[in-house]
Amino acid sequence: MTGKGNVDVNTLIIYKNMSAYNDLFYDIADLINSVIDEDNNENHLLNLAYKCGNELIEFSEHYGFEGNLYHAFLGFILASNENAFSMACEMNDKKDGSINQVAIHDFLIFKKLFEFDFDRIDKALGSDISAIICDYKAYSDTGKVFNKRIRDRILELTKNLEEAEDIASFYKSVTLFYREYGVGKFGLNKAFRIKENKDSSYSIIPITSIEHIYLNDLIGYELQKKKLIENTKAFIEGKKANNVLLFGDSGTGKSSSVKAILNEFFTDGLRVIEVYKYQFEALSEIIETIKDRNYKFIIYMDDLSFESFEIEYKYLKAIIEGGLGKKPDNVLIYASSNRRHLVKEMNSDNNGADGDLHHNDTIQEKLSLVARFGITIYYPSLEAKEYKHVVDELAKKYNLDIEKEKLYNEAMKWEMRHGGLTGRTARQFIDYLIGVENK
């Protein structure tokens, strides 16, 4: 419909595709235009109104939105729509010429959608859908996709767009959001995992719940942290940086160090994609997806190791080196492992007992994967003194009022039964004490 006063969403240019919510967006526009045109087909419109209401509620519970769901939906569309204009804003490029004018053309349409009074639907159809949709109370404070911090960012954008007095203010709010937070899933999320689709392709899926651990929370391992920070900071700043292997005993803080690095450098554009060994065949596709984005990506492989009969490590070697194509400047690989050389070593590796005619070649083949990591960082188990220091610092952090000698004695008894002198053991001991104290 293109009657007088209509919002002609069919003339959208760069914001035309709403991805998974394309049908809902155009159904809402059809409903609004029908009400504006005083369409007399009330049964059809009533069904359409409740259909849109149902989908907006499902959308809300999925993403954790509340309040005016109609406006929140529009704000979400603008925040997540990856197109030539939004991605240029993300890269802080100045937008002159046609692309800028095209964006303003589309924003005028969105502004009209924001200005439509949803109460007109209830008045026209005798429904109660607007009363529900425009003052919705969410079942949960967070959704399944976004955490509260991201949800609140989009709601803040929505509020600014509601209050925009003219197209200049509207334009400023949207572009400022892109510059500060980016666009789409990479702009709004810290970490991701890989999901295989039914057609054997792969998708990059946000991880919504990330442990809020920072480098200052990791007690000890100062030299290890320093080395990791220096390399990551160089990477963020566009300088030469290396792939990193963190190896050592279980529970020494390797994975926690990577989480802390992500939290420290997220606002500088760092993102982490977690990949498991069985997903290595997806690496080429994933790197193609992220290589032109304005973020720095660490592909992280936790607890990486290979049995002697597994050959996936050969594929990983080729990916790390980049093959014939140029290795993207915005991608590094970080891995953690309990094994120094990643591939399981056998006694036969030392004496060639398996009958290998080219024994040295076989050994070099196994060691060559580690050589692809320019930096290796060793995380050993703690000495008793270091372990007691970690316990002491954690006890202070959580305000545990326990005499030191008793604390140390109990901590040493605990480590003998629970995994040795590691930071993980110390944390588990303190968690135990907090639980006992709160009973």
Protein backbone atom coordinates (compact mmCIF):
# COMPACT_ATOMS: atom_id res chain seq x y z
CA MET A 1 0.00 0.00 0.00
CA THR A 2 1.21 3.50 -0.78
CA GLY A 3 -1.72 5.68 0.25
CA LYS A 4 -1.52 9.16 1.68
CA GLY A 5 0.42 9.23 4.96
CA ASN A 6 1.69 5.68 4.51
CA VAL A 7 5.10 4.50 5.58
CA ASP A 8 6.45 3.04 2.36
CA VAL A 9 8.92 0.46 3.65
CA ASN A 10 9.16 -1.05 0.18
CA THR A 11 11.36 1.90 -0.81
CA LEU A 12 14.01 1.05 1.78
CA ILE A 13 17.37 0.61 0.09
CA ILE A 14 20.22 -0.45 2.38
CA TYR A 15 18.03 -1.46 5.35
CA LYS A 16 15.72 -3.59 3.22
CA ASN A 17 16.77 -7.01 4.51
CA MET A 18 15.92 -7.65 8.18
CA SER A 19 17.41 -11.14 8.24
CA ALA A 20 15.39 -13.52 10.46
CA TYR A 21 12.79 -10.82 11.20
CA ASN A 22 12.08 -9.77 7.62
CA ASP A 23 8.51 -11.13 7.63
CA LEU A 24 7.68 -9.57 11.01
CA PHE A 25 9.00 -6.16 9.95
CA TYR A 26 6.94 -6.06 6.77
CA ASP A 27 3.84 -7.49 8.53
CA ILE A 28 4.04 -4.64 11.08
CA ALA A 29 4.43 -2.10 8.27
CA ASP A 30 1.43 -3.63 6.45
CA LEU A 31 -0.65 -3.43 9.64
CA ILE A 32 0.32 0.22 10.25
CA ASN A 33 -0.44 1.26 6.69
CA SER A 34 -3.77 -0.54 6.75
CA VAL A 35 -4.79 1.35 9.88
CA ILE A 36 -3.62 4.65 8.36
CA ASP A 37 -5.67 3.91 5.22
CA GLU A 38 -8.68 2.86 7.33
CA ASP A 39 -8.84 -0.53 5.64
CA ASN A 40 -12.25 -2.09 6.32
CA ASN A 41 -11.07 -5.71 6.31
CA GLU A 42 -11.13 -5.89 10.11
CA ASN A 43 -10.95 -9.69 10.46
CA HIS A 44 -7.78 -9.86 8.41
CA LEU A 45 -6.24 -6.91 10.26
CA LEU A 46 -7.22 -8.26 13.67
CA ASN A 47 -5.57 -11.58 12.86
CA LEU A 48 -2.51 -9.74 11.58
CA ALA A 49 -2.36 -7.57 14.71
CA TYR A 50 -2.36 -10.56 17.05
CA LYS A 51 0.11 -12.41 14.83
CA CYS A 52 2.51 -9.46 15.05
CA GLY A 53 1.88 -9.21 18.79
CA ASN A 54 2.71 -12.88 19.28
CA GLU A 55 5.94 -12.58 17.30
CA LEU A 56 6.99 -9.40 19.12
CA ILE A 57 6.52 -11.15 22.46
CA GLU A 58 8.55 -14.15 21.27
CA PHE A 59 11.19 -11.70 20.03
CA SER A 60 11.20 -9.96 23.41
CA GLU A 61 11.65 -13.11 25.46
CA HIS A 62 14.39 -14.27 23.09
CA TYR A 63 16.41 -11.07 23.42
CA GLY A 64 15.31 -9.86 26.86
CA PHE A 65 13.52 -6.65 25.79
CA GLU A 66 10.70 -4.96 27.66
CA GLY A 67 8.77 -1.70 27.63
CA ASN A 68 7.67 -0.63 24.15
CA LEU A 69 8.41 -3.80 22.17
CA TYR A 70 7.47 -2.14 18.89
CA HIS A 71 10.15 0.51 19.35
CA ALA A 72 12.62 -1.99 20.81
CA PHE A 73 12.17 -4.11 17.69
CA LEU A 74 12.93 -1.14 15.43
CA GLY A 75 15.98 -0.25 17.53
CA PHE A 76 17.19 -3.85 17.34
CA ILE A 77 16.81 -3.85 13.53
CA LEU A 78 18.96 -0.73 13.25
CA ALA A 79 21.56 -1.99 15.75
CA SER A 80 21.99 -5.39 14.10
CA ASN A 81 21.63 -4.64 10.38
CA GLU A 82 24.97 -5.20 8.69
CA ASN A 83 25.09 -3.20 5.46
CA ALA A 84 27.48 -0.94 3.54
CA PHE A 85 26.57 2.11 5.61
CA SER A 86 26.52 0.58 9.10
CA MET A 87 29.80 -1.26 8.55
CA ALA A 88 31.44 1.94 7.26
CA CYS A 89 30.32 3.70 10.46
CA GLU A 90 31.73 0.81 12.48
CA MET A 91 35.12 1.43 10.86
CA ASN A 92 34.84 5.16 11.67
CA ASP A 93 34.97 6.06 7.99
CA LYS A 94 33.62 9.45 6.97
CA LYS A 95 30.57 8.88 4.81
CA ASP A 96 30.30 11.35 1.97
CA GLY A 97 28.34 11.15 -1.24
CA SER A 98 25.56 8.77 -2.19
CA ILE A 99 25.80 6.22 0.64
CA ASN A 100 25.17 8.98 3.18
CA GLN A 101 22.10 10.22 1.31
CA VAL A 102 20.77 6.68 0.94
CA ALA A 103 21.08 6.17 4.70
CA ILE A 104 19.17 9.39 5.40
CA HIS A 105 16.46 8.24 2.97
CA ASP A 106 16.05 5.00 4.95
CA PHE A 107 16.22 6.77 8.32
CA LEU A 108 13.31 9.01 7.30
CA ILE A 109 11.22 5.86 6.85
CA PHE A 110 12.31 4.46 10.21
CA LYS A 111 11.57 7.78 11.88
CA LYS A 112 8.01 7.61 10.53
CA LEU A 113 7.70 4.12 11.97
CA PHE A 114 8.87 5.39 15.36
CA GLU A 115 6.36 8.25 15.22
CA PHE A 116 3.38 5.99 14.56
CA ASP A 117 1.13 5.79 17.62
CA PHE A 118 0.53 2.06 18.18
CA ASP A 119 -2.60 2.88 20.20
CA ARG A 120 -4.30 3.62 16.87
CA ILE A 121 -4.37 -0.12 16.22
CA ASP A 122 -6.46 -0.81 19.35
CA LYS A 123 -8.76 2.11 18.55
CA ALA A 124 -9.25 1.00 14.95
CA LEU A 125 -9.71 -2.72 15.64
CA GLY A 126 -11.11 -2.80 19.17
CA SER A 127 -8.15 -4.94 20.22
CA ASP A 128 -5.88 -4.83 23.26
CA ILE A 129 -2.65 -5.63 21.47
CA SER A 130 -1.14 -2.15 21.82
CA ALA A 131 -1.75 -2.08 25.58
CA ILE A 132 0.29 -5.29 25.87
CA ILE A 133 3.03 -4.54 23.37
CA CYS A 134 3.76 -0.95 24.35
CA ASP A 135 4.17 -1.62 28.08
CA TYR A 136 5.51 -5.14 28.20
CA LYS A 137 6.99 -6.61 31.37
CA ALA A 138 9.59 -9.27 30.53
CA TYR A 139 9.48 -12.66 32.23
CA SER A 140 13.26 -12.59 32.69
CA ASP A 141 15.76 -9.76 33.09
CA THR A 142 17.91 -11.22 30.31
CA GLY A 143 17.21 -13.11 27.12
CA LYS A 144 18.75 -16.14 25.48
CA VAL A 145 20.90 -14.18 23.04
CA PHE A 146 21.99 -10.90 24.65
CA ASN A 147 23.24 -10.34 28.16
CA LYS A 148 21.82 -7.44 30.17
CA ARG A 149 24.61 -5.04 29.22
CA ILE A 150 24.00 -5.45 25.48
CA ARG A 151 20.22 -5.42 25.89
CA ASP A 152 20.49 -2.11 27.76
CA ARG A 153 22.64 -0.60 25.01
CA ILE A 154 19.95 -1.29 22.43
CA LEU A 155 17.21 0.02 24.70
CA GLU A 156 19.24 3.20 25.19
CA LEU A 157 19.51 3.59 21.40
CA THR A 158 15.76 3.01 21.15
CA LYS A 159 15.04 5.75 23.70
CA ASN A 160 17.28 8.19 21.82
CA LEU A 161 15.47 7.44 18.57
CA GLU A 162 12.09 7.89 20.26
CA GLU A 163 13.17 11.34 21.41
CA ALA A 164 14.85 12.42 18.15
CA GLU A 165 13.27 15.73 17.15
CA ASP A 166 14.45 15.67 13.54
CA ILE A 167 16.28 13.47 11.05
CA ALA A 168 19.64 15.01 12.00
CA SER A 169 19.20 13.86 15.61
CA PHE A 170 18.01 10.46 14.43
CA TYR A 171 21.02 10.10 12.13
CA LYS A 172 23.42 11.17 14.88
CA SER A 173 22.05 8.61 17.37
CA VAL A 174 22.34 5.69 14.96
CA THR A 175 25.80 6.54 13.65
CA LEU A 176 27.13 7.24 17.15
CA PHE A 177 25.90 3.82 18.23
CA TYR A 178 27.74 2.18 15.33
CA ARG A 179 30.96 4.01 16.14
CA GLU A 180 30.86 3.19 19.83
CA TYR A 181 29.53 -0.36 19.77
CA GLY A 182 29.79 -1.61 16.20
CA VAL A 183 26.98 -3.35 14.33
CA GLY A 184 25.50 -6.83 14.36
CA LYS A 185 26.67 -9.76 16.44
CA PHE A 186 30.37 -8.88 16.28
CA GLY A 187 29.71 -5.37 17.52
CA LEU A 188 27.49 -6.39 20.39
CA ASN A 189 29.15 -9.57 21.69
CA LYS A 190 32.54 -10.52 23.12
CA ALA A 191 32.83 -14.20 22.44
CA PHE A 192 31.50 -16.74 19.98
CA ARG A 193 31.34 -20.45 19.26
CA ILE A 194 30.92 -22.42 16.04
CA LYS A 195 27.69 -24.18 15.12
CA GLU A 196 27.34 -26.60 12.23
CA ASN A 197 24.21 -26.08 10.13
CA LYS A 198 22.08 -28.74 8.50
CA ASP A 199 23.60 -27.96 5.09
CA SER A 200 27.10 -28.62 6.53
CA SER A 201 27.96 -24.91 6.52
CA TYR A 202 28.99 -23.20 9.75
CA SER A 203 27.62 -20.26 11.72
CA ILE A 204 29.34 -18.08 14.31
CA ILE A 205 27.07 -17.96 17.36
CA PRO A 206 27.43 -15.45 20.24
CA ILE A 207 28.20 -16.74 23.73
CA THR A 208 25.94 -14.69 25.98
CA SER A 209 27.40 -15.48 29.40
CA ILE A 210 31.10 -14.71 29.88
CA GLU A 211 32.81 -14.93 33.26
CA HIS A 212 33.71 -11.40 34.39
CA ILE A 213 37.29 -12.19 35.28
CA TYR A 214 40.09 -9.66 34.79
CA LEU A 215 43.87 -9.90 34.90
CA ASN A 216 44.00 -8.36 38.38
CA ASP A 217 41.81 -11.22 39.58
CA LEU A 218 44.47 -13.75 38.59
CA ILE A 219 46.94 -13.96 41.45
CA GLY A 220 50.49 -14.92 40.57
CA TYR A 221 51.92 -15.85 37.15
CA GLU A 222 53.00 -12.25 36.62
CA LEU A 223 55.59 -13.03 33.93
CA GLN A 224 53.09 -15.19 32.04
CA LYS A 225 50.44 -12.47 32.15
CA LYS A 226 52.96 -9.82 31.07
CA LYS A 227 53.96 -11.84 28.00
CA LEU A 228 50.33 -12.46 27.06
CA ILE A 229 49.37 -8.80 27.54
CA GLU A 230 52.28 -7.53 25.45
CA ASN A 231 51.44 -9.78 22.51
CA THR A 232 47.71 -9.06 22.66
CA LYS A 233 48.23 -5.32 22.99
CA ALA A 234 50.52 -5.32 19.93
CA PHE A 235 47.82 -7.23 18.04
CA ILE A 236 45.12 -4.74 19.05
CA GLU A 237 47.31 -1.82 17.98
CA GLY A 238 47.88 -3.30 14.53
CA LYS A 239 51.51 -4.22 15.18
CA LYS A 240 53.16 -7.56 14.49
CA ALA A 241 51.99 -10.25 16.91
CA ASN A 242 52.30 -14.01 17.27
CA ASN A 243 50.04 -16.99 17.72
CA VAL A 244 50.26 -18.12 21.35
CA LEU A 245 50.36 -21.52 23.03
CA LEU A 246 49.71 -21.58 26.77
CA PHE A 247 50.80 -24.95 28.18
CA GLY A 248 51.27 -26.41 31.61
CA ASP A 249 49.60 -28.28 34.42
CA SER A 250 45.85 -28.48 34.76
CA GLY A 251 44.21 -25.76 36.86
CA THR A 252 47.05 -23.24 36.57
CA GLY A 253 45.01 -20.46 34.94
CA LYS A 254 45.59 -20.88 31.21
CA SER A 255 41.94 -20.60 30.17
CA SER A 256 41.27 -17.92 32.80
CA SER A 257 44.09 -15.83 31.34
CA VAL A 258 42.43 -15.87 27.91
CA LYS A 259 39.05 -14.91 29.42
CA ALA A 260 40.72 -12.07 31.30
CA ILE A 261 42.48 -10.84 28.15
CA LEU A 262 39.12 -10.77 26.35
CA ASN A 263 37.48 -8.74 29.12
CA GLU A 264 40.43 -6.32 29.31
CA PHE A 265 40.58 -5.60 25.57
CA PHE A 266 36.95 -6.00 24.48
CA THR A 267 36.35 -2.25 24.32
CA ASP A 268 39.44 -1.97 22.09
CA GLY A 269 37.82 -4.24 19.51
CA LEU A 270 39.03 -7.69 20.64
CA ARG A 271 36.72 -10.66 20.00
CA VAL A 272 37.29 -14.38 20.72
CA ILE A 273 35.90 -17.32 18.76
CA GLU A 274 36.11 -20.67 20.52
CA VAL A 275 36.79 -23.62 18.21
CA TYR A 276 36.98 -27.29 19.13
CA LYS A 277 39.24 -29.87 17.52
CA TYR A 278 36.43 -31.57 15.61
CA GLN A 279 35.54 -28.20 14.03
CA PHE A 280 38.91 -27.56 12.37
CA GLU A 281 37.43 -28.09 8.92
CA ALA A 282 35.35 -24.94 9.55
CA LEU A 283 38.39 -22.73 10.13
CA SER A 284 38.84 -21.61 6.52
CA GLU A 285 35.17 -20.64 6.28
CA ILE A 286 35.29 -18.82 9.62
CA ILE A 287 38.41 -16.86 8.71
CA GLU A 288 36.84 -15.81 5.40
CA THR A 289 33.85 -14.49 7.36
CA ILE A 290 35.84 -12.37 9.81
CA LYS A 291 38.89 -11.24 7.87
CA ASP A 292 37.38 -7.96 6.62
CA ARG A 293 35.68 -6.89 9.85
CA ASN A 294 36.93 -3.98 11.92
CA TYR A 295 37.73 -6.17 14.95
CA LYS A 296 40.68 -8.21 16.11
CA PHE A 297 39.77 -11.88 16.40
CA ILE A 298 41.48 -14.51 18.52
CA ILE A 299 40.51 -18.03 17.51
CA TYR A 300 40.82 -19.89 20.81
CA MET A 301 41.34 -23.63 21.20
CA ASP A 302 41.03 -24.78 24.80
CA ASP A 303 42.67 -27.95 26.11
CA LEU A 304 44.16 -28.71 22.70
CA SER A 305 46.00 -32.01 22.23
CA PHE A 306 46.22 -34.84 19.73
CA GLU A 307 46.70 -38.56 20.05
CA SER A 308 49.49 -40.00 17.90
CA PHE A 309 46.97 -41.48 15.45
CA GLU A 310 45.02 -38.22 14.98
CA ILE A 311 45.91 -36.22 11.88
CA GLU A 312 43.81 -33.07 12.43
CA TYR A 313 46.95 -31.29 13.63
CA LYS A 314 48.26 -31.33 10.05
CA TYR A 315 45.21 -29.37 8.92
CA LEU A 316 45.68 -26.90 11.77
CA LYS A 317 49.30 -26.35 10.71
CA ALA A 318 48.19 -25.30 7.24
CA ILE A 319 45.56 -22.92 8.66
CA ILE A 320 48.03 -21.25 11.00
CA GLU A 321 50.50 -20.64 8.18
CA GLY A 322 47.74 -19.29 5.93
CA GLY A 323 48.33 -21.56 2.94
CA LEU A 324 48.73 -19.77 -0.38
CA GLY A 325 46.50 -16.89 0.65
CA LYS A 326 47.68 -13.96 2.74
CA LYS A 327 47.12 -14.48 6.44
CA PRO A 328 44.55 -11.93 7.70
CA ASP A 329 46.07 -9.22 9.88
CA ASN A 330 43.08 -9.27 12.24
CA VAL A 331 43.22 -12.97 13.18
CA LEU A 332 45.47 -14.81 15.66
CA ILE A 333 45.26 -18.27 17.17
CA TYR A 334 45.61 -18.81 20.92
CA ALA A 335 45.56 -22.34 22.31
CA SER A 336 45.89 -23.88 25.76
CA SER A 337 47.10 -27.39 26.44
CA ASN A 338 48.47 -29.66 29.15
CA ARG A 339 50.99 -30.95 26.59
CA ARG A 340 54.08 -29.00 25.61
CA HIS A 341 54.20 -30.44 22.09
CA LEU A 342 50.42 -30.90 21.65
CA VAL A 343 50.83 -34.28 19.90
CA LYS A 344 51.14 -37.31 22.19
CA GLU A 345 54.71 -38.58 22.31
CA MET A 346 55.52 -42.27 22.54
CA ASN A 347 58.58 -44.19 23.73
CA SER A 348 59.00 -45.33 20.14
CA ASP A 349 59.62 -41.69 19.21
CA ASN A 350 62.94 -41.92 21.04
CA ASN A 351 64.28 -45.14 19.54
CA GLY A 352 62.35 -45.68 16.33
CA ALA A 353 60.96 -48.97 17.65
CA ASP A 354 57.95 -48.79 15.38
CA GLY A 355 60.14 -49.47 12.35
CA ASP A 356 59.89 -45.98 10.89
CA LEU A 357 62.54 -45.70 8.17
CA HIS A 358 62.71 -41.91 8.55
CA HIS A 359 62.49 -41.59 12.29
CA ASN A 360 63.77 -38.00 12.55
CA ASP A 361 61.24 -36.85 9.95
CA THR A 362 58.41 -38.32 12.03
CA ILE A 363 59.61 -36.53 15.16
CA GLN A 364 59.94 -33.22 13.30
CA GLU A 365 56.44 -33.65 11.89
CA LYS A 366 55.02 -33.95 15.42
CA LEU A 367 57.02 -30.99 16.73
CA SER A 368 56.29 -28.73 13.78
CA LEU A 369 52.80 -27.77 15.01
CA VAL A 370 54.20 -26.13 18.14
CA ALA A 371 56.68 -24.25 15.99
CA ARG A 372 53.74 -22.52 14.31
CA PHE A 373 53.04 -20.76 17.61
CA GLY A 374 55.49 -17.88 17.82
CA ILE A 375 55.06 -17.58 21.59
CA THR A 376 54.79 -20.41 24.11
CA ILE A 377 53.99 -19.58 27.72
CA TYR A 378 54.53 -22.13 30.48
CA TYR A 379 52.11 -22.31 33.45
CA PRO A 380 53.66 -24.60 36.11
CA SER A 381 52.04 -25.79 39.31
CA LEU A 382 52.60 -23.47 42.27
CA GLU A 383 55.18 -23.85 44.97
CA ALA A 384 53.72 -24.25 48.47
CA LYS A 385 54.58 -20.64 49.32
CA GLU A 386 52.91 -19.36 46.15
CA TYR A 387 49.84 -21.51 46.77
CA LYS A 388 49.46 -20.09 50.29
CA HIS A 389 49.80 -16.56 48.87
CA VAL A 390 46.95 -17.20 46.41
CA VAL A 391 44.77 -18.61 49.20
CA ASP A 392 45.57 -15.61 51.39
CA GLU A 393 44.72 -13.09 48.67
CA LEU A 394 41.44 -14.83 47.83
CA ALA A 395 40.50 -14.95 51.52
CA LYS A 396 41.09 -11.18 51.75
CA LYS A 397 39.05 -10.57 48.59
CA TYR A 398 36.04 -12.37 50.05
CA ASN A 399 36.51 -10.98 53.58
CA LEU A 400 37.01 -14.36 55.23
CA ASP A 401 37.94 -13.82 58.87
CA ILE A 402 40.16 -16.85 59.53
CA GLU A 403 43.43 -16.95 61.43
CA LYS A 404 46.27 -17.34 58.91
CA GLU A 405 47.89 -20.44 60.35
CA LYS A 406 44.56 -22.24 60.41
CA LEU A 407 43.78 -21.02 56.88
CA TYR A 408 47.10 -22.33 55.55
CA ASN A 409 46.81 -25.68 57.34
CA GLU A 410 43.32 -26.28 56.00
CA ALA A 411 44.38 -25.14 52.53
CA MET A 412 47.27 -27.62 52.46
CA LYS A 413 44.98 -30.45 53.59
CA TRP A 414 42.54 -29.47 50.86
CA GLU A 415 45.14 -29.50 48.07
CA MET A 416 46.27 -33.02 49.01
CA ARG A 417 42.75 -34.28 48.35
CA HIS A 418 41.73 -31.96 45.51
CA GLY A 419 44.19 -31.68 42.66
CA GLY A 420 47.48 -30.28 43.93
CA LEU A 421 49.06 -26.84 44.24
CA THR A 422 47.19 -24.82 41.62
CA GLY A 423 45.17 -21.65 41.43
CA ARG A 424 42.06 -23.70 40.67
CA THR A 425 42.52 -25.74 43.85
CA ALA A 426 42.97 -22.55 45.88
CA ARG A 427 39.78 -21.08 44.40
CA GLN A 428 37.81 -24.26 45.09
CA PHE A 429 39.04 -24.23 48.70
CA ILE A 430 37.92 -20.61 49.18
CA ASP A 431 34.56 -21.37 47.54
CA TYR A 432 34.17 -24.23 50.03
CA LEU A 433 34.88 -21.90 52.97
CA ILE A 434 32.41 -19.29 51.66
CA GLY A 435 29.77 -22.00 51.32
CA VAL A 436 30.36 -23.26 54.87
CA GLU A 437 30.32 -19.75 56.26
CA ASN A 438 26.99 -18.98 54.58
CA LYS A 439 25.21 -22.08 55.85
